[in-house]
Amino acid sequence: MDVYFISGMSANCKVFDTIDLPYGFEKKYIEWLMPNEGELLSEYTRRMSVNIDTSKPFILVGYSFGGIIVQEMNKFLTPCKTIIIASMKVGDEMPALFRVGHRIKFTEYLPIGFFKTSDLVFDFFSRFVYHAKREDMEKYVSYTDPFYTKWSLFQILNWHSTFQCPNLYHIHGTKDQMFPFKGVKDVYPVEGADHLLVIKKSKEVSRILDEILLT
């Protein structure tokens, strides 16, 4: 069975390279596309799904922002299972900081130039948020176009879907910096893992994926 993976905002699918799946399941990567001007999330997710072979059973896995995308895909696709990692489900799981960003319209008032990647911002997130070396993170960050970044952040802060995704499974680190563990529920916890659990805790994530896929 094909298992389609979508990464987090700005990150490529190399983050999943050390994730192992049980025999009979094959990893397929879906990389980010450049959004079109004024494109809705519903339109974007349909474009992201064009290479999914729906003629046979399949599974969707989304990490961080990718978790939102795979839940949106369930509105027009019927995967056997949907698995989100270090993300949020519909309802009240949006972190407080994101709610503030939505309320003050954070992305709408900032110029596109603000979202240009800078060494200072990259170093800050690598060192103080992800607790990783810059050189270890560089190979995972491919999508830094400021329009893509602003559009993606806008979609995250304004995601308020009421659609309940069927057959949904949630893997989450207990030390996640982006989506605090206390704010999520009904999850498979990864003890001591932060937002980079697919890289730092790939063996544990693989073990949980085995359990979910083989159930």
Foldseek 3Di string as FASTA:
>chain_A
DEEEEEEAQQFFPVLQVLADADPPYDYDYQYADADDVPDDLLRRLVVSCPPPPQVDAYEYEYAALGLVSVQSVLVPGDHPAYEYEAYADADQQQDPVLQVCLVVVVLVPDDLVVQADDPVVLCCCQCPVVNHDSVVCVVTRDDRRSSSVSVSSSCRSPDHDPDDRPRYAYEYECAEPRRHPVSHDRYNYDYPDYSSCSNVVSVVVNVVNNVSVVD
